C-alpha atoms as a PDB file:
ATOM      1  CA  ILE A   1      84.397 235.259  71.249  1.00  0.00           C
ATOM      2  CA  ASN A   2      84.506 234.287  74.878  1.00  0.00           C
ATOM      3  CA  LYS A   3      80.913 235.038  75.764  1.00  0.00           C
ATOM      4  CA  LEU A   4      77.989 236.414  73.830  1.00  0.00           C
ATOM      5  CA  ASP A   5      74.604 236.623  75.465  1.00  0.00           C
ATOM      6  CA  PHE A   6      72.280 239.539  74.898  1.00  0.00           C
ATOM      7  CA  THR A   7      68.634 240.427  74.462  1.00  0.00           C
ATOM      8  CA  LEU A   8      67.345 243.068  72.074  1.00  0.00           C
ATOM      9  CA  ASN A   9      63.637 243.780  71.593  1.00  0.00           C
ATOM     10  CA  ASN A  10      62.092 240.395  70.713  1.00  0.00           C
ATOM     11  CA  MET A  11      65.434 238.630  70.165  1.00  0.00           C
ATOM     12  CA  ASN A  12      67.881 236.756  72.373  1.00  0.00           C
ATOM     13  CA  ALA A  13      71.338 235.725  71.117  1.00  0.00           C
ATOM     14  CA  THR A  14      73.705 233.247  72.760  1.00  0.00           C
ATOM     15  CA  TYR A  15      77.100 231.953  71.629  1.00  0.00           C
ATOM     16  CA  ILE A  16      77.506 228.159  71.864  1.00  0.00           C
ATOM     17  CA  GLU A  17      81.250 227.767  72.322  1.00  0.00           C
ATOM     18  CA  ASP A  18      81.678 224.030  71.728  1.00  0.00           C
ATOM     19  CA  LYS A  19      79.577 224.206  68.531  1.00  0.00           C
ATOM     20  CA  LYS A  20      81.074 227.509  67.305  1.00  0.00           C
ATOM     21  CA  ALA A  21      77.578 228.768  66.631  1.00  0.00           C
ATOM     22  CA  ILE A  22      75.354 231.680  67.554  1.00  0.00           C
ATOM     23  CA  HIS A  23      71.807 230.788  68.600  1.00  0.00           C
ATOM     24  CA  ILE A  24      69.245 233.518  67.995  1.00  0.00           C
ATOM     25  CA  LYS A  25      65.775 233.085  69.424  1.00  0.00           C
ATOM     26  CA  SER A  26      63.311 235.632  68.115  1.00  0.00           C
ATOM     27  CA  LYS A  27      59.620 236.158  68.728  1.00  0.00           C
ATOM     28  CA  ASP A  28      57.275 237.048  65.896  1.00  0.00           C
ATOM     29  CA  LYS A  29      55.443 240.243  66.848  1.00  0.00           C
ATOM     30  CA  ILE A  30      52.163 239.217  65.231  1.00  0.00           C
ATOM     31  CA  SER A  31      51.835 235.501  66.003  1.00  0.00           C
ATOM     32  CA  GLY A  32      53.926 235.422  69.185  1.00  0.00           C
ATOM     33  CA  VAL A  33      55.657 232.249  67.959  1.00  0.00           C
ATOM     34  CA  PHE A  34      59.347 231.820  68.803  1.00  0.00           C
ATOM     35  CA  LYS A  35      61.795 231.004  66.010  1.00  0.00           C
ATOM     36  CA  ASP A  36      65.240 229.493  66.549  1.00  0.00           C
ATOM     37  CA  THR A  37      67.996 230.368  64.094  1.00  0.00           C
ATOM     38  CA  TYR A  38      71.611 229.231  64.227  1.00  0.00           C
ATOM     39  CA  TYR A  39      74.671 230.758  62.580  1.00  0.00           C
ATOM     40  CA  GLY A  40      78.002 229.000  62.330  1.00  0.00           C
ATOM     41  CA  ILE A  41      80.850 231.388  63.098  1.00  0.00           C
ATOM     42  CA  ASP A  42      84.366 231.258  61.724  1.00  0.00           C
ATOM     43  CA  PHE A  43      87.303 233.649  61.949  1.00  0.00           C
ATOM     44  CA  ARG A  44      89.513 234.179  58.887  1.00  0.00           C
ATOM     45  CA  ASN A  45      92.273 236.757  59.122  1.00  0.00           C
ATOM     46  CA  ASP A  46      90.490 239.881  60.376  1.00  0.00           C
ATOM     47  CA  ASP A  47      87.059 238.774  59.173  1.00  0.00           C
ATOM     48  CA  ILE A  48      84.191 237.138  61.027  1.00  0.00           C
ATOM     49  CA  ILE A  49      82.265 234.760  58.769  1.00  0.00           C
ATOM     50  CA  LEU A  50      78.660 233.924  59.722  1.00  0.00           C
ATOM     51  CA  SER A  51      76.899 231.126  57.878  1.00  0.00           C
ATOM     52  CA  LYS A  52      73.235 230.445  58.477  1.00  0.00           C
ATOM     53  CA  ARG A  53      72.522 226.960  59.736  1.00  0.00           C
ATOM     54  CA  GLY A  54      69.312 225.025  59.706  1.00  0.00           C
ATOM     55  CA  ASN A  55      67.406 223.807  62.698  1.00  0.00           C
ATOM     56  CA  TYR A  56      68.396 222.547  66.144  1.00  0.00           C
ATOM     57  CA  GLU A  57      69.275 219.064  64.899  1.00  0.00           C
ATOM     58  CA  PHE A  58      71.995 220.562  62.714  1.00  0.00           C
ATOM     59  CA  VAL A  59      73.613 222.303  65.664  1.00  0.00           C
ATOM     60  CA  ASN A  60      73.966 218.958  67.406  1.00  0.00           C
ATOM     61  CA  LYS A  61      76.169 217.870  64.497  1.00  0.00           C
ATOM     62  CA  ASP A  62      79.763 218.902  63.966  1.00  0.00           C
ATOM     63  CA  LEU A  63      79.800 222.443  62.551  1.00  0.00           C
ATOM     64  CA  SER A  64      83.480 222.348  61.659  1.00  0.00           C
ATOM     65  CA  ASN A  65      82.716 220.833  58.237  1.00  0.00           C
END
């Protein structure tokens, strides 16, 4: 993935290259509160593996583990 940055409805997704993670920012329709979710991304053979990560502090750590 060279660049991933898109917006869809109440969601915005961005690829963080140096962290090998996808950051998804979504807005709750009822409360209006924004939620940040991170997915680690790995490529194995012809498969793309997404693993849900915790909060922002986790993304600042090394995701290669």
